[in-house]
Amino acid sequence: MTQERTWRKSSYSGGAEDSDCVEVSLSSDALVRDSKNPSGGVLTFSSAAWQNFLESR
């Protein structure tokens, strides 16, 4: 059984419920999905890869 994940919207979305943006779920890895299609595809990143991404911005 898949563990329930908590998702949060990007701070760049302005926080509006109907805004188009990405959502991220952080745990031992980082999952990223399109907020308009939450049941669609999900990108999975290791915690090290996600940290490298954040530091490169």
PDB file of N, CA and C in Angstrom:
ATOM      1  N   MET A   1       0.846  -1.190   0.000  1.00  0.00           N
ATOM      2  CA  MET A   1       0.000   0.000   0.000  1.00  0.00           C
ATOM      3  C   MET A   1       0.887   1.248   0.000  1.00  0.00           C
ATOM      4  N   THR A   2       0.539   2.218  -0.828  1.00  0.00           N
ATOM      5  CA  THR A   2       1.303   3.451  -0.944  1.00  0.00           C
ATOM      6  C   THR A   2       1.004   4.369   0.231  1.00  0.00           C
ATOM      7  N   GLN A   3       2.070   4.918   0.820  1.00  0.00           N
ATOM      8  CA  GLN A   3       1.916   5.849   1.933  1.00  0.00           C
ATOM      9  C   GLN A   3       1.301   7.148   1.440  1.00  0.00           C
ATOM     10  N   GLU A   4       0.379   7.698   2.225  1.00  0.00           N
ATOM     11  CA  GLU A   4      -0.237   8.992   1.892  1.00  0.00           C
ATOM     12  C   GLU A   4       0.819  10.083   1.988  1.00  0.00           C
ATOM     13  N   ARG A   5       0.881  10.945   0.989  1.00  0.00           N
ATOM     14  CA  ARG A   5       1.866  12.023   0.960  1.00  0.00           C
ATOM     15  C   ARG A   5       1.161  13.360   1.124  1.00  0.00           C
ATOM     16  N   THR A   6       1.879  14.318   1.701  1.00  0.00           N
ATOM     17  CA  THR A   6       1.392  15.689   1.817  1.00  0.00           C
ATOM     18  C   THR A   6       2.003  16.491   0.678  1.00  0.00           C
ATOM     19  N   TRP A   7       1.166  17.229  -0.044  1.00  0.00           N
ATOM     20  CA  TRP A   7       1.612  18.026  -1.186  1.00  0.00           C
ATOM     21  C   TRP A   7       1.461  19.498  -0.859  1.00  0.00           C
ATOM     22  N   ARG A   8       2.397  20.315  -1.362  1.00  0.00           N
ATOM     23  CA  ARG A   8       2.260  21.765  -1.221  1.00  0.00           C
ATOM     24  C   ARG A   8       2.593  22.420  -2.553  1.00  0.00           C
ATOM     25  N   LYS A   9       1.921  23.543  -2.801  1.00  0.00           N
ATOM     26  CA  LYS A   9       2.128  24.264  -4.054  1.00  0.00           C
ATOM     27  C   LYS A   9       3.383  25.110  -3.989  1.00  0.00           C
ATOM     28  N   SER A  10       3.936  25.360  -5.147  1.00  0.00           N
ATOM     29  CA  SER A  10       5.097  26.231  -5.254  1.00  0.00           C
ATOM     30  C   SER A  10       4.768  27.613  -4.730  1.00  0.00           C
ATOM     31  N   SER A  11       5.726  28.223  -4.054  1.00  0.00           N
ATOM     32  CA  SER A  11       5.522  29.590  -3.569  1.00  0.00           C
ATOM     33  C   SER A  11       5.424  30.580  -4.722  1.00  0.00           C
ATOM     34  N   TYR A  12       5.876  30.198  -5.907  1.00  0.00           N
ATOM     35  CA  TYR A  12       5.792  31.061  -7.084  1.00  0.00           C
ATOM     36  C   TYR A  12       4.388  31.090  -7.677  1.00  0.00           C
ATOM     37  N   SER A  13       3.475  30.259  -7.200  1.00  0.00           N
ATOM     38  CA  SER A  13       2.123  30.217  -7.748  1.00  0.00           C
ATOM     39  C   SER A  13       1.247  31.332  -7.201  1.00  0.00           C
ATOM     40  N   GLY A  14       1.695  32.005  -6.166  1.00  0.00           N
ATOM     41  CA  GLY A  14       0.886  33.041  -5.550  1.00  0.00           C
ATOM     42  C   GLY A  14      -0.081  32.489  -4.527  1.00  0.00           C
ATOM     43  N   GLY A  15      -0.122  31.173  -4.372  1.00  0.00           N
ATOM     44  CA  GLY A  15      -0.943  30.551  -3.350  1.00  0.00           C
ATOM     45  C   GLY A  15      -2.413  30.405  -3.677  1.00  0.00           C
ATOM     46  N   ALA A  16      -2.853  30.860  -4.838  1.00  0.00           N
ATOM     47  CA  ALA A  16      -4.266  30.748  -5.197  1.00  0.00           C
ATOM     48  C   ALA A  16      -4.623  29.294  -5.503  1.00  0.00           C
ATOM     49  N   GLU A  17      -5.813  28.883  -5.089  1.00  0.00           N
ATOM     50  CA  GLU A  17      -6.254  27.504  -5.306  1.00  0.00           C
ATOM     51  C   GLU A  17      -6.339  27.129  -6.782  1.00  0.00           C
ATOM     52  N   ASP A  18      -6.745  28.057  -7.633  1.00  0.00           N
ATOM     53  CA  ASP A  18      -6.950  27.740  -9.046  1.00  0.00           C
ATOM     54  C   ASP A  18      -5.758  28.112  -9.928  1.00  0.00           C
ATOM     55  N   SER A  19      -4.615  28.429  -9.331  1.00  0.00           N
ATOM     56  CA  SER A  19      -3.449  28.817 -10.122  1.00  0.00           C
ATOM     57  C   SER A  19      -2.756  27.588 -10.703  1.00  0.00           C
ATOM     58  N   ASP A  20      -2.088  27.771 -11.844  1.00  0.00           N
ATOM     59  CA  ASP A  20      -1.354  26.703 -12.501  1.00  0.00           C
ATOM     60  C   ASP A  20       0.062  26.668 -11.965  1.00  0.00           C
ATOM     61  N   CYS A  21       0.457  25.566 -11.411  1.00  0.00           N
ATOM     62  CA  CYS A  21       1.800  25.477 -10.866  1.00  0.00           C
ATOM     63  C   CYS A  21       2.159  24.023 -10.618  1.00  0.00           C
ATOM     64  N   VAL A  22       3.272  23.825  -9.993  1.00  0.00           N
ATOM     65  CA  VAL A  22       3.686  22.488  -9.598  1.00  0.00           C
ATOM     66  C   VAL A  22       3.491  22.334  -8.100  1.00  0.00           C
ATOM     67  N   GLU A  23       3.368  21.081  -7.687  1.00  0.00           N
ATOM     68  CA  GLU A  23       3.286  20.747  -6.280  1.00  0.00           C
ATOM     69  C   GLU A  23       4.439  19.809  -5.957  1.00  0.00           C
ATOM     70  N   VAL A  24       4.914  19.878  -4.721  1.00  0.00           N
ATOM     71  CA  VAL A  24       6.009  19.023  -4.293  1.00  0.00           C
ATOM     72  C   VAL A  24       5.622  18.321  -2.996  1.00  0.00           C
ATOM     73  N   SER A  25       6.082  17.078  -2.871  1.00  0.00           N
ATOM     74  CA  SER A  25       5.903  16.306  -1.645  1.00  0.00           C
ATOM     75  C   SER A  25       7.279  15.836  -1.208  1.00  0.00           C
ATOM     76  N   LEU A  26       7.685  16.264  -0.023  1.00  0.00           N
ATOM     77  CA  LEU A  26       9.020  15.928   0.474  1.00  0.00           C
ATOM     78  C   LEU A  26       8.918  14.881   1.571  1.00  0.00           C
ATOM     79  N   SER A  27       9.760  13.878   1.451  1.00  0.00           N
ATOM     80  CA  SER A  27       9.868  12.821   2.451  1.00  0.00           C
ATOM     81  C   SER A  27      11.312  12.350   2.391  1.00  0.00           C
ATOM     82  N   SER A  28      11.553  11.079   2.185  1.00  0.00           N
ATOM     83  CA  SER A  28      12.924  10.608   1.977  1.00  0.00           C
ATOM     84  C   SER A  28      13.361  10.872   0.543  1.00  0.00           C
ATOM     85  N   ASP A  29      12.413  11.348  -0.269  1.00  0.00           N
ATOM     86  CA  ASP A  29      12.653  11.743  -1.655  1.00  0.00           C
ATOM     87  C   ASP A  29      11.816  12.978  -1.938  1.00  0.00           C
ATOM     88  N   ALA A  30      11.825  13.448  -3.167  1.00  0.00           N
ATOM     89  CA  ALA A  30      11.001  14.584  -3.567  1.00  0.00           C
ATOM     90  C   ALA A  30      10.166  14.171  -4.768  1.00  0.00           C
ATOM     91  N   LEU A  31       8.865  14.306  -4.654  1.00  0.00           N
ATOM     92  CA  LEU A  31       7.955  14.037  -5.758  1.00  0.00           C
ATOM     93  C   LEU A  31       7.417  15.367  -6.261  1.00  0.00           C
ATOM     94  N   VAL A  32       7.316  15.510  -7.585  1.00  0.00           N
ATOM     95  CA  VAL A  32       6.841  16.749  -8.196  1.00  0.00           C
ATOM     96  C   VAL A  32       5.735  16.389  -9.184  1.00  0.00           C
ATOM     97  N   ARG A  33       4.629  17.128  -9.137  1.00  0.00           N
ATOM     98  CA  ARG A  33       3.509  16.877 -10.050  1.00  0.00           C
ATOM     99  C   ARG A  33       2.879  18.194 -10.485  1.00  0.00           C
ATOM    100  N   ASP A  34       2.092  18.124 -11.541  1.00  0.00           N
ATOM    101  CA  ASP A  34       1.346  19.262 -12.072  1.00  0.00           C
ATOM    102  C   ASP A  34       0.080  19.431 -11.241  1.00  0.00           C
ATOM    103  N   SER A  35      -0.139  20.609 -10.676  1.00  0.00           N
ATOM    104  CA  SER A  35      -1.306  20.820  -9.822  1.00  0.00           C
ATOM    105  C   SER A  35      -2.628  20.711 -10.576  1.00  0.00           C
ATOM    106  N   LYS A  36      -2.609  20.922 -11.886  1.00  0.00           N
ATOM    107  CA  LYS A  36      -3.831  20.816 -12.686  1.00  0.00           C
ATOM    108  C   LYS A  36      -4.215  19.366 -12.948  1.00  0.00           C
ATOM    109  N   ASN A  37      -3.245  18.433 -12.779  1.00  0.00           N
ATOM    110  CA  ASN A  37      -3.484  17.023 -13.070  1.00  0.00           C
ATOM    111  C   ASN A  37      -2.820  16.161 -11.992  1.00  0.00           C
ATOM    112  N   PRO A  38      -3.325  16.213 -10.764  1.00  0.00           N
ATOM    113  CA  PRO A  38      -2.670  15.509  -9.665  1.00  0.00           C
ATOM    114  C   PRO A  38      -2.643  13.992  -9.810  1.00  0.00           C
ATOM    115  N   SER A  39      -3.517  13.430 -10.623  1.00  0.00           N
ATOM    116  CA  SER A  39      -3.494  11.980 -10.817  1.00  0.00           C
ATOM    117  C   SER A  39      -2.633  11.576 -12.009  1.00  0.00           C
ATOM    118  N   GLY A  40      -2.008  12.561 -12.648  1.00  0.00           N
ATOM    119  CA  GLY A  40      -1.141  12.292 -13.790  1.00  0.00           C
ATOM    120  C   GLY A  40       0.244  11.866 -13.351  1.00  0.00           C
ATOM    121  N   GLY A  41       1.206  12.050 -14.210  1.00  0.00           N
ATOM    122  CA  GLY A  41       2.572  11.632 -13.946  1.00  0.00           C
ATOM    123  C   GLY A  41       3.223  12.395 -12.799  1.00  0.00           C
ATOM    124  N   VAL A  42       4.175  11.734 -12.178  1.00  0.00           N
ATOM    125  CA  VAL A  42       4.926  12.304 -11.065  1.00  0.00           C
ATOM    126  C   VAL A  42       6.409  12.105 -11.338  1.00  0.00           C
ATOM    127  N   LEU A  43       7.194  13.152 -11.143  1.00  0.00           N
ATOM    128  CA  LEU A  43       8.645  13.044 -11.236  1.00  0.00           C
ATOM    129  C   LEU A  43       9.187  12.750  -9.848  1.00  0.00           C
ATOM    130  N   THR A  44      10.133  11.823  -9.758  1.00  0.00           N
ATOM    131  CA  THR A  44      10.732  11.453  -8.481  1.00  0.00           C
ATOM    132  C   THR A  44      12.210  11.812  -8.491  1.00  0.00           C
ATOM    133  N   PHE A  45      12.646  12.508  -7.439  1.00  0.00           N
ATOM    134  CA  PHE A  45      14.043  12.899  -7.290  1.00  0.00           C
ATOM    135  C   PHE A  45      14.558  12.399  -5.948  1.00  0.00           C
ATOM    136  N   SER A  46      15.808  11.976  -5.911  1.00  0.00           N
ATOM    137  CA  SER A  46      16.419  11.627  -4.629  1.00  0.00           C
ATOM    138  C   SER A  46      16.558  12.906  -3.806  1.00  0.00           C
ATOM    139  N   SER A  47      16.719  12.761  -2.502  1.00  0.00           N
ATOM    140  CA  SER A  47      16.877  13.957  -1.669  1.00  0.00           C
ATOM    141  C   SER A  47      18.140  14.731  -2.053  1.00  0.00           C
ATOM    142  N   ALA A  48      19.212  14.019  -2.443  1.00  0.00           N
ATOM    143  CA  ALA A  48      20.448  14.697  -2.867  1.00  0.00           C
ATOM    144  C   ALA A  48      20.230  15.479  -4.160  1.00  0.00           C
ATOM    145  N   ALA A  49      19.517  14.894  -5.118  1.00  0.00           N
ATOM    146  CA  ALA A  49      19.248  15.587  -6.383  1.00  0.00           C
ATOM    147  C   ALA A  49      18.365  16.810  -6.150  1.00  0.00           C
ATOM    148  N   TRP A  50      17.370  16.691  -5.268  1.00  0.00           N
ATOM    149  CA  TRP A  50      16.490  17.819  -4.975  1.00  0.00           C
ATOM    150  C   TRP A  50      17.276  18.950  -4.307  1.00  0.00           C
ATOM    151  N   GLN A  51      18.156  18.599  -3.386  1.00  0.00           N
ATOM    152  CA  GLN A  51      18.985  19.603  -2.711  1.00  0.00           C
ATOM    153  C   GLN A  51      19.885  20.315  -3.717  1.00  0.00           C
ATOM    154  N   ASN A  52      20.473  19.561  -4.648  1.00  0.00           N
ATOM    155  CA  ASN A  52      21.312  20.174  -5.697  1.00  0.00           C
ATOM    156  C   ASN A  52      20.495  21.135  -6.554  1.00  0.00           C
ATOM    157  N   PHE A  53      19.278  20.750  -6.877  1.00  0.00           N
ATOM    158  CA  PHE A  53      18.387  21.616  -7.656  1.00  0.00           C
ATOM    159  C   PHE A  53      18.122  22.927  -6.907  1.00  0.00           C
ATOM    160  N   LEU A  54      17.787  22.834  -5.632  1.00  0.00           N
ATOM    161  CA  LEU A  54      17.500  24.037  -4.848  1.00  0.00           C
ATOM    162  C   LEU A  54      18.721  24.943  -4.721  1.00  0.00           C
ATOM    163  N   GLU A  55      19.879  24.347  -4.564  1.00  0.00           N
ATOM    164  CA  GLU A  55      21.103  25.149  -4.430  1.00  0.00           C
ATOM    165  C   GLU A  55      21.544  25.789  -5.727  1.00  0.00           C
ATOM    166  N   SER A  56      21.099  25.264  -6.853  1.00  0.00           N
ATOM    167  CA  SER A  56      21.524  25.804  -8.157  1.00  0.00           C
ATOM    168  C   SER A  56      20.670  26.979  -8.622  1.00  0.00           C
ATOM    169  N   ARG A  57      19.579  27.258  -7.922  1.00  0.00           N
ATOM    170  CA  ARG A  57      18.680  28.343  -8.335  1.00  0.00           C
ATOM    171  C   ARG A  57      19.297  29.672  -8.073  1.00  0.00           C
TER     172      ARG A  57
END
